[in-house]
Amino acid sequence: MKSLEELNKLREEIRSKEAEAAESNVKITIAMGTCGIAAGARDVSDAILDELEARGLDDVTVTYTGCIGLCQQEPLVKVKAAEQPVVLYGNLNAESARKVVAQHIVNNQVVSEWSINNK
């Protein structure tokens, strides 16, 4: 940051993104700590983004976080759909991430095969 103007612009961009996320029906959070990245979180992220785009799902917000603390379950993805419990998926790869989008995001069916907290 070189000026107060740049800081204010950044703050408005963040607020705008937060407002958009609040309006989304579904929020996907992908763990991108070093353990997640080493386990393939970038491939999982790319697959989720590709699948959302291919299906025209623009009301889904994708965010990223650091380590969740379940390194043995990486890559981890948390899905929060409106009025449904949060589901944490683990041990995902690109193919299973696409199935999560198809079954959970599109059809509202938890994919128990990869669900950690909703079996």
PDB file of N, CA and C in Angstrom:
ATOM      1  N   MET A   1       0.834  -1.170   0.000  1.00  0.00           N
ATOM      2  CA  MET A   1       0.000   0.000   0.000  1.00  0.00           C
ATOM      3  C   MET A   1       0.882   1.237   0.000  1.00  0.00           C
ATOM      4  N   LYS A   2       0.567   2.101  -0.902  1.00  0.00           N
ATOM      5  CA  LYS A   2       1.351   3.328  -0.975  1.00  0.00           C
ATOM      6  C   LYS A   2       0.544   4.553  -0.575  1.00  0.00           C
ATOM      7  N   SER A   3      -0.786   4.366  -0.476  1.00  0.00           N
ATOM      8  CA  SER A   3      -1.591   5.526  -0.121  1.00  0.00           C
ATOM      9  C   SER A   3      -2.873   5.092   0.579  1.00  0.00           C
ATOM     10  N   LEU A   4      -3.494   6.045   1.237  1.00  0.00           N
ATOM     11  CA  LEU A   4      -4.773   5.799   1.893  1.00  0.00           C
ATOM     12  C   LEU A   4      -5.836   5.466   0.850  1.00  0.00           C
ATOM     13  N   GLU A   5      -5.720   6.046  -0.324  1.00  0.00           N
ATOM     14  CA  GLU A   5      -6.668   5.774  -1.402  1.00  0.00           C
ATOM     15  C   GLU A   5      -6.628   4.297  -1.808  1.00  0.00           C
ATOM     16  N   GLU A   6      -5.432   3.724  -1.915  1.00  0.00           N
ATOM     17  CA  GLU A   6      -5.295   2.305  -2.251  1.00  0.00           C
ATOM     18  C   GLU A   6      -5.906   1.436  -1.162  1.00  0.00           C
ATOM     19  N   LEU A   7      -5.675   1.785   0.083  1.00  0.00           N
ATOM     20  CA  LEU A   7      -6.233   1.039   1.201  1.00  0.00           C
ATOM     21  C   LEU A   7      -7.759   1.089   1.175  1.00  0.00           C
ATOM     22  N   ASN A   8      -8.330   2.245   0.937  1.00  0.00           N
ATOM     23  CA  ASN A   8      -9.783   2.377   0.879  1.00  0.00           C
ATOM     24  C   ASN A   8     -10.378   1.583  -0.282  1.00  0.00           C
ATOM     25  N   LYS A   9      -9.690   1.576  -1.411  1.00  0.00           N
ATOM     26  CA  LYS A   9     -10.144   0.809  -2.568  1.00  0.00           C
ATOM     27  C   LYS A   9     -10.153  -0.687  -2.240  1.00  0.00           C
ATOM     28  N   LEU A  10      -9.092  -1.166  -1.599  1.00  0.00           N
ATOM     29  CA  LEU A  10      -9.009  -2.562  -1.208  1.00  0.00           C
ATOM     30  C   LEU A  10     -10.117  -2.917  -0.222  1.00  0.00           C
ATOM     31  N   ARG A  11     -10.372  -2.045   0.731  1.00  0.00           N
ATOM     32  CA  ARG A  11     -11.422  -2.285   1.726  1.00  0.00           C
ATOM     33  C   ARG A  11     -12.785  -2.410   1.034  1.00  0.00           C
ATOM     34  N   GLU A  12     -13.066  -1.577   0.067  1.00  0.00           N
ATOM     35  CA  GLU A  12     -14.344  -1.633  -0.655  1.00  0.00           C
ATOM     36  C   GLU A  12     -14.460  -2.912  -1.480  1.00  0.00           C
ATOM     37  N   GLU A  13     -13.365  -3.348  -2.075  1.00  0.00           N
ATOM     38  CA  GLU A  13     -13.375  -4.607  -2.829  1.00  0.00           C
ATOM     39  C   GLU A  13     -13.694  -5.781  -1.904  1.00  0.00           C
ATOM     40  N   ILE A  14     -13.078  -5.792  -0.740  1.00  0.00           N
ATOM     41  CA  ILE A  14     -13.322  -6.867   0.227  1.00  0.00           C
ATOM     42  C   ILE A  14     -14.764  -6.835   0.700  1.00  0.00           C
ATOM     43  N   ARG A  15     -15.273  -5.678   1.013  1.00  0.00           N
ATOM     44  CA  ARG A  15     -16.675  -5.548   1.453  1.00  0.00           C
ATOM     45  C   ARG A  15     -17.637  -6.014   0.366  1.00  0.00           C
ATOM     46  N   SER A  16     -17.328  -5.690  -0.858  1.00  0.00           N
ATOM     47  CA  SER A  16     -18.169  -6.111  -1.972  1.00  0.00           C
ATOM     48  C   SER A  16     -18.188  -7.635  -2.102  1.00  0.00           C
ATOM     49  N   LYS A  17     -17.018  -8.245  -1.984  1.00  0.00           N
ATOM     50  CA  LYS A  17     -16.933  -9.704  -2.058  1.00  0.00           C
ATOM     51  C   LYS A  17     -17.659 -10.354  -0.889  1.00  0.00           C
ATOM     52  N   GLU A  18     -17.548  -9.776   0.300  1.00  0.00           N
ATOM     53  CA  GLU A  18     -18.254 -10.314   1.466  1.00  0.00           C
ATOM     54  C   GLU A  18     -19.762 -10.223   1.275  1.00  0.00           C
ATOM     55  N   ALA A  19     -20.233  -9.136   0.698  1.00  0.00           N
ATOM     56  CA  ALA A  19     -21.665  -8.974   0.443  1.00  0.00           C
ATOM     57  C   ALA A  19     -22.150 -10.013  -0.563  1.00  0.00           C
ATOM     58  N   GLU A  20     -21.368 -10.252  -1.594  1.00  0.00           N
ATOM     59  CA  GLU A  20     -21.721 -11.272  -2.583  1.00  0.00           C
ATOM     60  C   GLU A  20     -21.775 -12.649  -1.937  1.00  0.00           C
ATOM     61  N   ALA A  21     -20.815 -12.946  -1.080  1.00  0.00           N
ATOM     62  CA  ALA A  21     -20.777 -14.247  -0.407  1.00  0.00           C
ATOM     63  C   ALA A  21     -21.980 -14.429   0.499  1.00  0.00           C
ATOM     64  N   ALA A  22     -22.402 -13.370   1.165  1.00  0.00           N
ATOM     65  CA  ALA A  22     -23.555 -13.450   2.055  1.00  0.00           C
ATOM     66  C   ALA A  22     -24.833 -13.757   1.281  1.00  0.00           C
ATOM     67  N   GLU A  23     -24.894 -13.338   0.023  1.00  0.00           N
ATOM     68  CA  GLU A  23     -26.072 -13.565  -0.801  1.00  0.00           C
ATOM     69  C   GLU A  23     -26.078 -14.951  -1.442  1.00  0.00           C
ATOM     70  N   SER A  24     -24.960 -15.629  -1.460  1.00  0.00           N
ATOM     71  CA  SER A  24     -24.862 -16.934  -2.101  1.00  0.00           C
ATOM     72  C   SER A  24     -25.661 -17.975  -1.332  1.00  0.00           C
ATOM     73  N   ASN A  25     -26.239 -18.908  -2.075  1.00  0.00           N
ATOM     74  CA  ASN A  25     -26.956 -20.009  -1.451  1.00  0.00           C
ATOM     75  C   ASN A  25     -26.005 -21.064  -0.912  1.00  0.00           C
ATOM     76  N   VAL A  26     -24.842 -21.179  -1.537  1.00  0.00           N
ATOM     77  CA  VAL A  26     -23.874 -22.208  -1.171  1.00  0.00           C
ATOM     78  C   VAL A  26     -22.496 -21.575  -1.054  1.00  0.00           C
ATOM     79  N   LYS A  27     -21.783 -21.983  -0.013  1.00  0.00           N
ATOM     80  CA  LYS A  27     -20.405 -21.530   0.165  1.00  0.00           C
ATOM     81  C   LYS A  27     -19.511 -22.764   0.274  1.00  0.00           C
ATOM     82  N   ILE A  28     -18.488 -22.795  -0.561  1.00  0.00           N
ATOM     83  CA  ILE A  28     -17.502 -23.876  -0.538  1.00  0.00           C
ATOM     84  C   ILE A  28     -16.188 -23.276  -0.046  1.00  0.00           C
ATOM     85  N   THR A  29     -15.603 -23.896   0.962  1.00  0.00           N
ATOM     86  CA  THR A  29     -14.315 -23.449   1.482  1.00  0.00           C
ATOM     87  C   THR A  29     -13.313 -24.568   1.276  1.00  0.00           C
ATOM     88  N   ILE A  30     -12.221 -24.247   0.604  1.00  0.00           N
ATOM     89  CA  ILE A  30     -11.185 -25.231   0.295  1.00  0.00           C
ATOM     90  C   ILE A  30      -9.968 -24.935   1.160  1.00  0.00           C
ATOM     91  N   ALA A  31      -9.503 -25.949   1.898  1.00  0.00           N
ATOM     92  CA  ALA A  31      -8.322 -25.794   2.747  1.00  0.00           C
ATOM     93  C   ALA A  31      -7.077 -25.797   1.865  1.00  0.00           C
ATOM     94  N   MET A  32      -6.315 -24.712   1.952  1.00  0.00           N
ATOM     95  CA  MET A  32      -5.127 -24.575   1.115  1.00  0.00           C
ATOM     96  C   MET A  32      -3.875 -24.328   1.952  1.00  0.00           C
ATOM     97  N   GLY A  33      -3.805 -24.993   3.106  1.00  0.00           N
ATOM     98  CA  GLY A  33      -2.563 -24.952   3.858  1.00  0.00           C
ATOM     99  C   GLY A  33      -1.517 -25.764   3.109  1.00  0.00           C
ATOM    100  N   THR A  34      -0.288 -25.732   3.581  1.00  0.00           N
ATOM    101  CA  THR A  34       0.769 -26.459   2.874  1.00  0.00           C
ATOM    102  C   THR A  34       0.481 -27.952   2.794  1.00  0.00           C
ATOM    103  N   CYS A  35      -0.118 -28.513   3.845  1.00  0.00           N
ATOM    104  CA  CYS A  35      -0.435 -29.943   3.820  1.00  0.00           C
ATOM    105  C   CYS A  35      -1.506 -30.232   2.767  1.00  0.00           C
ATOM    106  N   GLY A  36      -2.492 -29.349   2.648  1.00  0.00           N
ATOM    107  CA  GLY A  36      -3.541 -29.515   1.643  1.00  0.00           C
ATOM    108  C   GLY A  36      -3.003 -29.394   0.237  1.00  0.00           C
ATOM    109  N   ILE A  37      -2.164 -28.399   0.031  1.00  0.00           N
ATOM    110  CA  ILE A  37      -1.573 -28.205  -1.296  1.00  0.00           C
ATOM    111  C   ILE A  37      -0.730 -29.420  -1.682  1.00  0.00           C
ATOM    112  N   ALA A  38       0.051 -29.914  -0.734  1.00  0.00           N
ATOM    113  CA  ALA A  38       0.889 -31.093  -1.011  1.00  0.00           C
ATOM    114  C   ALA A  38       0.048 -32.320  -1.328  1.00  0.00           C
ATOM    115  N   ALA A  39      -1.167 -32.383  -0.758  1.00  0.00           N
ATOM    116  CA  ALA A  39      -2.039 -33.535  -0.981  1.00  0.00           C
ATOM    117  C   ALA A  39      -2.905 -33.395  -2.234  1.00  0.00           C
ATOM    118  N   GLY A  40      -2.871 -32.215  -2.891  1.00  0.00           N
ATOM    119  CA  GLY A  40      -3.610 -32.060  -4.131  1.00  0.00           C
ATOM    120  C   GLY A  40      -4.752 -31.060  -4.094  1.00  0.00           C
ATOM    121  N   ALA A  41      -4.750 -30.148  -3.132  1.00  0.00           N
ATOM    122  CA  ALA A  41      -5.843 -29.183  -3.010  1.00  0.00           C
ATOM    123  C   ALA A  41      -5.979 -28.279  -4.229  1.00  0.00           C
ATOM    124  N   ARG A  42      -4.887 -27.979  -4.905  1.00  0.00           N
ATOM    125  CA  ARG A  42      -4.995 -27.140  -6.108  1.00  0.00           C
ATOM    126  C   ARG A  42      -5.781 -27.851  -7.207  1.00  0.00           C
ATOM    127  N   ASP A  43      -5.535 -29.138  -7.380  1.00  0.00           N
ATOM    128  CA  ASP A  43      -6.289 -29.912  -8.370  1.00  0.00           C
ATOM    129  C   ASP A  43      -7.768 -29.973  -7.993  1.00  0.00           C
ATOM    130  N   VAL A  44      -8.040 -30.140  -6.710  1.00  0.00           N
ATOM    131  CA  VAL A  44      -9.420 -30.168  -6.216  1.00  0.00           C
ATOM    132  C   VAL A  44     -10.092 -28.821  -6.476  1.00  0.00           C
ATOM    133  N   SER A  45      -9.386 -27.743  -6.168  1.00  0.00           N
ATOM    134  CA  SER A  45      -9.925 -26.406  -6.404  1.00  0.00           C
ATOM    135  C   SER A  45     -10.225 -26.188  -7.880  1.00  0.00           C
ATOM    136  N   ASP A  46      -9.284 -26.541  -8.736  1.00  0.00           N
ATOM    137  CA  ASP A  46      -9.483 -26.382 -10.183  1.00  0.00           C
ATOM    138  C   ASP A  46     -10.700 -27.182 -10.659  1.00  0.00           C
ATOM    139  N   ALA A  47     -10.843 -28.408 -10.159  1.00  0.00           N
ATOM    140  CA  ALA A  47     -11.964 -29.259 -10.563  1.00  0.00           C
ATOM    141  C   ALA A  47     -13.297 -28.662 -10.107  1.00  0.00           C
ATOM    142  N   ILE A  48     -13.335 -28.154  -8.891  1.00  0.00           N
ATOM    143  CA  ILE A  48     -14.570 -27.543  -8.387  1.00  0.00           C
ATOM    144  C   ILE A  48     -14.930 -26.315  -9.211  1.00  0.00           C
ATOM    145  N   LEU A  49     -13.966 -25.445  -9.444  1.00  0.00           N
ATOM    146  CA  LEU A  49     -14.222 -24.241 -10.224  1.00  0.00           C
ATOM    147  C   LEU A  49     -14.667 -24.586 -11.648  1.00  0.00           C
ATOM    148  N   ASP A  50     -14.020 -25.568 -12.267  1.00  0.00           N
ATOM    149  CA  ASP A  50     -14.396 -26.003 -13.613  1.00  0.00           C
ATOM    150  C   ASP A  50     -15.819 -26.553 -13.637  1.00  0.00           C
ATOM    151  N   GLU A  51     -16.143 -27.373 -12.652  1.00  0.00           N
ATOM    152  CA  GLU A  51     -17.467 -27.997 -12.595  1.00  0.00           C
ATOM    153  C   GLU A  51     -18.560 -26.956 -12.359  1.00  0.00           C
ATOM    154  N   LEU A  52     -18.292 -26.004 -11.478  1.00  0.00           N
ATOM    155  CA  LEU A  52     -19.265 -24.937 -11.240  1.00  0.00           C
ATOM    156  C   LEU A  52     -19.504 -24.123 -12.502  1.00  0.00           C
ATOM    157  N   GLU A  53     -18.428 -23.814 -13.211  1.00  0.00           N
ATOM    158  CA  GLU A  53     -18.546 -23.042 -14.445  1.00  0.00           C
ATOM    159  C   GLU A  53     -19.284 -23.839 -15.526  1.00  0.00           C
ATOM    160  N   ALA A  54     -18.944 -25.101 -15.665  1.00  0.00           N
ATOM    161  CA  ALA A  54     -19.577 -25.938 -16.687  1.00  0.00           C
ATOM    162  C   ALA A  54     -21.076 -26.070 -16.446  1.00  0.00           C
ATOM    163  N   ARG A  55     -21.470 -26.054 -15.194  1.00  0.00           N
ATOM    164  CA  ARG A  55     -22.888 -26.190 -14.854  1.00  0.00           C
ATOM    165  C   ARG A  55     -23.596 -24.841 -14.732  1.00  0.00           C
ATOM    166  N   GLY A  56     -22.862 -23.765 -14.898  1.00  0.00           N
ATOM    167  CA  GLY A  56     -23.459 -22.438 -14.815  1.00  0.00           C
ATOM    168  C   GLY A  56     -23.924 -22.063 -13.421  1.00  0.00           C
ATOM    169  N   LEU A  57     -23.252 -22.573 -12.412  1.00  0.00           N
ATOM    170  CA  LEU A  57     -23.628 -22.310 -11.016  1.00  0.00           C
ATOM    171  C   LEU A  57     -22.910 -21.062 -10.520  1.00  0.00           C
ATOM    172  N   ASP A  58     -23.507 -19.914 -10.759  1.00  0.00           N
ATOM    173  CA  ASP A  58     -22.858 -18.666 -10.373  1.00  0.00           C
ATOM    174  C   ASP A  58     -23.310 -18.146  -9.017  1.00  0.00           C
ATOM    175  N   ASP A  59     -24.206 -18.871  -8.338  1.00  0.00           N
ATOM    176  CA  ASP A  59     -24.629 -18.455  -7.006  1.00  0.00           C
ATOM    177  C   ASP A  59     -23.873 -19.195  -5.903  1.00  0.00           C
ATOM    178  N   VAL A  60     -22.766 -19.816  -6.263  1.00  0.00           N
ATOM    179  CA  VAL A  60     -21.918 -20.529  -5.319  1.00  0.00           C
ATOM    180  C   VAL A  60     -20.653 -19.706  -5.088  1.00  0.00           C
ATOM    181  N   THR A  61     -20.330 -19.489  -3.820  1.00  0.00           N
ATOM    182  CA  THR A  61     -19.120 -18.761  -3.471  1.00  0.00           C
ATOM    183  C   THR A  61     -18.036 -19.755  -3.079  1.00  0.00           C
ATOM    184  N   VAL A  62     -16.866 -19.603  -3.664  1.00  0.00           N
ATOM    185  CA  VAL A  62     -15.717 -20.446  -3.332  1.00  0.00           C
ATOM    186  C   VAL A  62     -14.698 -19.571  -2.617  1.00  0.00           C
ATOM    187  N   THR A  63     -14.316 -19.999  -1.412  1.00  0.00           N
ATOM    188  CA  THR A  63     -13.298 -19.295  -0.652  1.00  0.00           C
ATOM    189  C   THR A  63     -12.208 -20.281  -0.251  1.00  0.00           C
ATOM    190  N   TYR A  64     -11.131 -19.727   0.276  1.00  0.00           N
ATOM    191  CA  TYR A  64      -9.987 -20.554   0.657  1.00  0.00           C
ATOM    192  C   TYR A  64      -9.603 -20.227   2.093  1.00  0.00           C
ATOM    193  N   THR A  65      -9.059 -21.221   2.762  1.00  0.00           N
ATOM    194  CA  THR A  65      -8.580 -21.045   4.117  1.00  0.00           C
ATOM    195  C   THR A  65      -7.263 -21.787   4.264  1.00  0.00           C
ATOM    196  N   GLY A  66      -6.614 -21.585   5.382  1.00  0.00           N
ATOM    197  CA  GLY A  66      -5.374 -22.295   5.652  1.00  0.00           C
ATOM    198  C   GLY A  66      -5.672 -23.677   6.211  1.00  0.00           C
ATOM    199  N   CYS A  67      -4.748 -24.168   6.966  1.00  0.00           N
ATOM    200  CA  CYS A  67      -4.851 -25.511   7.546  1.00  0.00           C
ATOM    201  C   CYS A  67      -6.034 -25.599   8.508  1.00  0.00           C
ATOM    202  N   ILE A  68      -6.805 -26.663   8.384  1.00  0.00           N
ATOM    203  CA  ILE A  68      -7.934 -26.910   9.278  1.00  0.00           C
ATOM    204  C   ILE A  68      -7.495 -27.779  10.455  1.00  0.00           C
ATOM    205  N   GLY A  69      -6.400 -28.475  10.302  1.00  0.00           N
ATOM    206  CA  GLY A  69      -5.873 -29.289  11.388  1.00  0.00           C
ATOM    207  C   GLY A  69      -6.106 -30.782  11.234  1.00  0.00           C
ATOM    208  N   LEU A  70      -6.671 -31.185  10.133  1.00  0.00           N
ATOM    209  CA  LEU A  70      -6.899 -32.605   9.861  1.00  0.00           C
ATOM    210  C   LEU A  70      -6.022 -33.049   8.696  1.00  0.00           C
ATOM    211  N   CYS A  71      -4.730 -32.900   8.869  1.00  0.00           N
ATOM    212  CA  CYS A  71      -3.781 -33.120   7.778  1.00  0.00           C
ATOM    213  C   CYS A  71      -3.915 -34.506   7.145  1.00  0.00           C
ATOM    214  N   GLN A  72      -4.248 -35.506   7.938  1.00  0.00           N
ATOM    215  CA  GLN A  72      -4.366 -36.859   7.414  1.00  0.00           C
ATOM    216  C   GLN A  72      -5.581 -37.020   6.498  1.00  0.00           C
ATOM    217  N   GLN A  73      -6.501 -36.043   6.505  1.00  0.00           N
ATOM    218  CA  GLN A  73      -7.699 -36.103   5.682  1.00  0.00           C
ATOM    219  C   GLN A  73      -7.629 -35.199   4.447  1.00  0.00           C
ATOM    220  N   GLU A  74      -6.508 -34.522   4.230  1.00  0.00           N
ATOM    221  CA  GLU A  74      -6.376 -33.582   3.119  1.00  0.00           C
ATOM    222  C   GLU A  74      -6.455 -34.299   1.781  1.00  0.00           C
ATOM    223  N   PRO A  75      -6.905 -33.601   0.774  1.00  0.00           N
ATOM    224  CA  PRO A  75      -7.482 -32.274   0.689  1.00  0.00           C
ATOM    225  C   PRO A  75      -8.880 -32.222   1.310  1.00  0.00           C
ATOM    226  N   LEU A  76      -9.155 -31.104   2.002  1.00  0.00           N
ATOM    227  CA  LEU A  76     -10.416 -30.894   2.702  1.00  0.00           C
ATOM    228  C   LEU A  76     -11.232 -29.801   2.033  1.00  0.00           C
ATOM    229  N   VAL A  77     -12.544 -30.027   1.972  1.00  0.00           N
ATOM    230  CA  VAL A  77     -13.471 -29.052   1.404  1.00  0.00           C
ATOM    231  C   VAL A  77     -14.698 -29.003   2.304  1.00  0.00           C
ATOM    232  N   LYS A  78     -15.078 -27.787   2.687  1.00  0.00           N
ATOM    233  CA  LYS A  78     -16.270 -27.588   3.518  1.00  0.00           C
ATOM    234  C   LYS A  78     -17.374 -27.018   2.636  1.00  0.00           C
ATOM    235  N   VAL A  79     -18.578 -27.591   2.748  1.00  0.00           N
ATOM    236  CA  VAL A  79     -19.717 -27.128   1.972  1.00  0.00           C
ATOM    237  C   VAL A  79     -20.807 -26.675   2.936  1.00  0.00           C
ATOM    238  N   LYS A  80     -21.239 -25.444   2.786  1.00  0.00           N
ATOM    239  CA  LYS A  80     -22.340 -24.890   3.568  1.00  0.00           C
ATOM    240  C   LYS A  80     -23.427 -24.461   2.602  1.00  0.00           C
ATOM    241  N   ALA A  81     -24.504 -25.218   2.580  1.00  0.00           N
ATOM    242  CA  ALA A  81     -25.663 -24.877   1.760  1.00  0.00           C
ATOM    243  C   ALA A  81     -26.728 -24.271   2.666  1.00  0.00           C
ATOM    244  N   ALA A  82     -27.516 -23.368   2.116  1.00  0.00           N
ATOM    245  CA  ALA A  82     -28.539 -22.676   2.894  1.00  0.00           C
ATOM    246  C   ALA A  82     -29.423 -23.670   3.640  1.00  0.00           C
ATOM    247  N   GLU A  83     -29.605 -23.392   4.926  1.00  0.00           N
ATOM    248  CA  GLU A  83     -30.489 -24.171   5.790  1.00  0.00           C
ATOM    249  C   GLU A  83     -30.123 -25.647   5.882  1.00  0.00           C
ATOM    250  N   GLN A  84     -28.873 -25.985   5.686  1.00  0.00           N
ATOM    251  CA  GLN A  84     -28.388 -27.355   5.831  1.00  0.00           C
ATOM    252  C   GLN A  84     -27.159 -27.346   6.723  1.00  0.00           C
ATOM    253  N   PRO A  85     -26.883 -28.456   7.391  1.00  0.00           N
ATOM    254  CA  PRO A  85     -25.657 -28.510   8.192  1.00  0.00           C
ATOM    255  C   PRO A  85     -24.412 -28.412   7.316  1.00  0.00           C
ATOM    256  N   VAL A  86     -23.348 -27.904   7.892  1.00  0.00           N
ATOM    257  CA  VAL A  86     -22.067 -27.841   7.200  1.00  0.00           C
ATOM    258  C   VAL A  86     -21.535 -29.261   7.049  1.00  0.00           C
ATOM    259  N   VAL A  87     -21.019 -29.563   5.863  1.00  0.00           N
ATOM    260  CA  VAL A  87     -20.432 -30.881   5.606  1.00  0.00           C
ATOM    261  C   VAL A  87     -18.969 -30.679   5.253  1.00  0.00           C
ATOM    262  N   LEU A  88     -18.117 -31.448   5.925  1.00  0.00           N
ATOM    263  CA  LEU A  88     -16.689 -31.413   5.660  1.00  0.00           C
ATOM    264  C   LEU A  88     -16.315 -32.681   4.908  1.00  0.00           C
ATOM    265  N   TYR A  89     -15.737 -32.492   3.722  1.00  0.00           N
ATOM    266  CA  TYR A  89     -15.295 -33.618   2.901  1.00  0.00           C
ATOM    267  C   TYR A  89     -13.784 -33.742   2.984  1.00  0.00           C
ATOM    268  N   GLY A  90     -13.289 -34.978   2.999  1.00  0.00           N
ATOM    269  CA  GLY A  90     -11.858 -35.204   3.070  1.00  0.00           C
ATOM    270  C   GLY A  90     -11.388 -36.257   2.089  1.00  0.00           C
ATOM    271  N   ASN A  91     -10.078 -36.298   1.917  1.00  0.00           N
ATOM    272  CA  ASN A  91      -9.427 -37.241   1.007  1.00  0.00           C
ATOM    273  C   ASN A  91      -9.970 -37.118  -0.413  1.00  0.00           C
ATOM    274  N   LEU A  92     -10.193 -35.883  -0.846  1.00  0.00           N
ATOM    275  CA  LEU A  92     -10.729 -35.657  -2.182  1.00  0.00           C
ATOM    276  C   LEU A  92      -9.629 -35.633  -3.230  1.00  0.00           C
ATOM    277  N   ASN A  93     -10.031 -35.885  -4.456  1.00  0.00           N
ATOM    278  CA  ASN A  93      -9.189 -35.666  -5.625  1.00  0.00           C
ATOM    279  C   ASN A  93     -10.072 -34.941  -6.642  1.00  0.00           C
ATOM    280  N   ALA A  94      -9.572 -34.678  -7.813  1.00  0.00           N
ATOM    281  CA  ALA A  94     -10.341 -33.917  -8.798  1.00  0.00           C
ATOM    282  C   ALA A  94     -11.659 -34.611  -9.145  1.00  0.00           C
ATOM    283  N   GLU A  95     -11.617 -35.908  -9.332  1.00  0.00           N
ATOM    284  CA  GLU A  95     -12.824 -36.653  -9.700  1.00  0.00           C
ATOM    285  C   GLU A  95     -13.866 -36.629  -8.579  1.00  0.00           C
ATOM    286  N   SER A  96     -13.442 -36.893  -7.361  1.00  0.00           N
ATOM    287  CA  SER A  96     -14.393 -36.896  -6.250  1.00  0.00           C
ATOM    288  C   SER A  96     -14.927 -35.492  -5.969  1.00  0.00           C
ATOM    289  N   ALA A  97     -14.109 -34.470  -6.191  1.00  0.00           N
ATOM    290  CA  ALA A  97     -14.571 -33.086  -6.017  1.00  0.00           C
ATOM    291  C   ALA A  97     -15.674 -32.759  -7.011  1.00  0.00           C
ATOM    292  N   ARG A  98     -15.539 -33.237  -8.232  1.00  0.00           N
ATOM    293  CA  ARG A  98     -16.593 -33.027  -9.231  1.00  0.00           C
ATOM    294  C   ARG A  98     -17.887 -33.736  -8.809  1.00  0.00           C
ATOM    295  N   LYS A  99     -17.752 -34.919  -8.214  1.00  0.00           N
ATOM    296  CA  LYS A  99     -18.936 -35.645  -7.741  1.00  0.00           C
ATOM    297  C   LYS A  99     -19.609 -34.903  -6.586  1.00  0.00           C
ATOM    298  N   VAL A 100     -18.812 -34.277  -5.736  1.00  0.00           N
ATOM    299  CA  VAL A 100     -19.382 -33.487  -4.646  1.00  0.00           C
ATOM    300  C   VAL A 100     -20.216 -32.339  -5.215  1.00  0.00           C
ATOM    301  N   VAL A 101     -19.700 -31.678  -6.230  1.00  0.00           N
ATOM    302  CA  VAL A 101     -20.474 -30.596  -6.863  1.00  0.00           C
ATOM    303  C   VAL A 101     -21.766 -31.166  -7.454  1.00  0.00           C
ATOM    304  N   ALA A 102     -21.661 -32.253  -8.196  1.00  0.00           N
ATOM    305  CA  ALA A 102     -22.828 -32.827  -8.863  1.00  0.00           C
ATOM    306  C   ALA A 102     -23.875 -33.315  -7.869  1.00  0.00           C
ATOM    307  N   GLN A 103     -23.444 -34.016  -6.838  1.00  0.00           N
ATOM    308  CA  GLN A 103     -24.408 -34.623  -5.919  1.00  0.00           C
ATOM    309  C   GLN A 103     -24.832 -33.685  -4.797  1.00  0.00           C
ATOM    310  N   HIS A 104     -23.879 -33.008  -4.175  1.00  0.00           N
ATOM    311  CA  HIS A 104     -24.226 -32.172  -3.029  1.00  0.00           C
ATOM    312  C   HIS A 104     -24.733 -30.801  -3.460  1.00  0.00           C
ATOM    313  N   ILE A 105     -23.988 -30.124  -4.310  1.00  0.00           N
ATOM    314  CA  ILE A 105     -24.357 -28.762  -4.691  1.00  0.00           C
ATOM    315  C   ILE A 105     -25.588 -28.768  -5.598  1.00  0.00           C
ATOM    316  N   VAL A 106     -25.616 -29.641  -6.587  1.00  0.00           N
ATOM    317  CA  VAL A 106     -26.715 -29.646  -7.545  1.00  0.00           C
ATOM    318  C   VAL A 106     -27.939 -30.389  -6.998  1.00  0.00           C
ATOM    319  N   ASN A 107     -27.728 -31.560  -6.388  1.00  0.00           N
ATOM    320  CA  ASN A 107     -28.853 -32.416  -5.988  1.00  0.00           C
ATOM    321  C   ASN A 107     -29.122 -32.453  -4.485  1.00  0.00           C
ATOM    322  N   ASN A 108     -28.404 -31.662  -3.703  1.00  0.00           N
ATOM    323  CA  ASN A 108     -28.610 -31.589  -2.246  1.00  0.00           C
ATOM    324  C   ASN A 108     -28.481 -32.944  -1.554  1.00  0.00           C
ATOM    325  N   GLN A 109     -27.573 -33.773  -2.027  1.00  0.00           N
ATOM    326  CA  GLN A 109     -27.341 -35.078  -1.414  1.00  0.00           C
ATOM    327  C   GLN A 109     -25.894 -35.155  -0.941  1.00  0.00           C
ATOM    328  N   VAL A 110     -25.718 -35.327   0.355  1.00  0.00           N
ATOM    329  CA  VAL A 110     -24.379 -35.448   0.916  1.00  0.00           C
ATOM    330  C   VAL A 110     -23.722 -36.704   0.354  1.00  0.00           C
ATOM    331  N   VAL A 111     -22.468 -36.581  -0.015  1.00  0.00           N
ATOM    332  CA  VAL A 111     -21.710 -37.716  -0.541  1.00  0.00           C
ATOM    333  C   VAL A 111     -21.003 -38.369   0.638  1.00  0.00           C
ATOM    334  N   SER A 112     -21.653 -39.363   1.229  1.00  0.00           N
ATOM    335  CA  SER A 112     -21.158 -39.948   2.480  1.00  0.00           C
ATOM    336  C   SER A 112     -19.804 -40.622   2.326  1.00  0.00           C
ATOM    337  N   GLU A 113     -19.471 -41.038   1.134  1.00  0.00           N
ATOM    338  CA  GLU A 113     -18.175 -41.706   0.897  1.00  0.00           C
ATOM    339  C   GLU A 113     -16.997 -40.840   1.319  1.00  0.00           C
ATOM    340  N   TRP A 114     -17.105 -39.517   1.149  1.00  0.00           N
ATOM    341  CA  TRP A 114     -16.000 -38.616   1.480  1.00  0.00           C
ATOM    342  C   TRP A 114     -16.325 -37.666   2.621  1.00  0.00           C
ATOM    343  N   SER A 115     -17.532 -37.769   3.159  1.00  0.00           N
ATOM    344  CA  SER A 115     -17.933 -36.899   4.255  1.00  0.00           C
ATOM    345  C   SER A 115     -17.238 -37.325   5.545  1.00  0.00           C
ATOM    346  N   ILE A 116     -16.667 -36.372   6.245  1.00  0.00           N
ATOM    347  CA  ILE A 116     -15.996 -36.674   7.499  1.00  0.00           C
ATOM    348  C   ILE A 116     -16.954 -36.541   8.677  1.00  0.00           C
ATOM    349  N   ASN A 117     -17.824 -35.553   8.636  1.00  0.00           N
ATOM    350  CA  ASN A 117     -18.649 -35.245   9.804  1.00  0.00           C
ATOM    351  C   ASN A 117     -20.128 -35.547   9.628  1.00  0.00           C
ATOM    352  N   ASN A 118     -20.518 -36.196   8.554  1.00  0.00           N
ATOM    353  CA  ASN A 118     -21.938 -36.398   8.297  1.00  0.00           C
ATOM    354  C   ASN A 118     -22.175 -37.807   7.744  1.00  0.00           C
ATOM    355  N   LYS A 119     -21.854 -38.803   8.544  1.00  0.00           N
ATOM    356  CA  LYS A 119     -21.999 -40.192   8.065  1.00  0.00           C
ATOM    357  C   LYS A 119     -23.202 -40.834   8.686  1.00  0.00           C
TER     358      LYS A 119
END
